[in-house]
Protein backbone atom coordinates (compact mmCIF):
# COMPACT_ATOMS: atom_id res chain seq x y z
CA UNK A 1 89.36 202.85 110.25
CA UNK A 2 89.39 199.05 110.11
CA UNK A 3 92.52 197.13 111.02
CA UNK A 4 93.68 194.30 108.79
CA UNK A 5 93.18 190.79 110.09
CA UNK A 6 96.56 189.05 110.46
CA UNK A 7 97.30 185.98 108.40
CA UNK A 8 98.56 182.68 109.77
CA UNK A 9 102.29 183.01 110.29
CA UNK A 10 102.31 186.80 110.63
CA UNK A 11 104.45 188.23 113.41
CA UNK A 12 102.63 189.41 116.50
CA UNK A 13 102.99 193.03 117.56
CA UNK A 14 105.44 193.54 120.42
CA UNK A 15 103.68 193.54 123.79
CA UNK A 16 104.11 193.23 127.54
CA UNK A 17 101.81 191.08 129.65
CA UNK A 18 101.51 188.94 132.78
CA UNK A 19 101.87 185.15 132.53
CA UNK A 20 99.45 182.64 134.04
CA UNK A 21 101.99 182.35 136.89
CA UNK A 22 101.73 186.11 137.53
CA UNK A 23 105.20 186.83 136.10
CA UNK A 24 105.90 189.80 133.79
CA UNK A 25 106.44 188.90 130.14
CA UNK A 26 107.96 191.08 127.42
CA UNK A 27 107.83 189.70 123.86
CA UNK A 28 110.68 191.89 122.61
CA UNK A 29 113.01 190.65 125.38
CA UNK A 30 112.01 187.01 124.86
CA UNK A 31 112.69 187.19 121.12
CA UNK A 32 116.02 188.98 121.73
CA UNK A 33 117.10 185.96 123.81
CA UNK A 34 116.31 183.67 120.87
CA UNK A 35 113.28 182.10 122.51
CA UNK A 36 110.36 180.69 120.57
CA UNK A 37 107.03 182.10 121.73
CA UNK A 38 103.57 180.61 121.45
CA UNK A 39 100.58 182.67 122.55
CA UNK A 40 97.57 180.82 123.94
CA UNK A 41 94.30 182.53 124.73
CA UNK A 42 91.88 180.82 127.04
CA UNK A 43 88.57 181.80 128.47
CA UNK A 44 89.48 181.56 132.15
CA UNK A 45 86.77 180.46 134.59
CA UNK A 46 84.03 178.27 133.14
């Protein structure tokens, strides 16, 4: 089953991750606090 490709402006699915500063991050909690969130993906080591 293929998943639909999101469109620009679509909401991201809720997730938990680790920040670049090794801190836990929870999208649901950040949004509940009224924070704006921007996700950036980078390659890492070149």
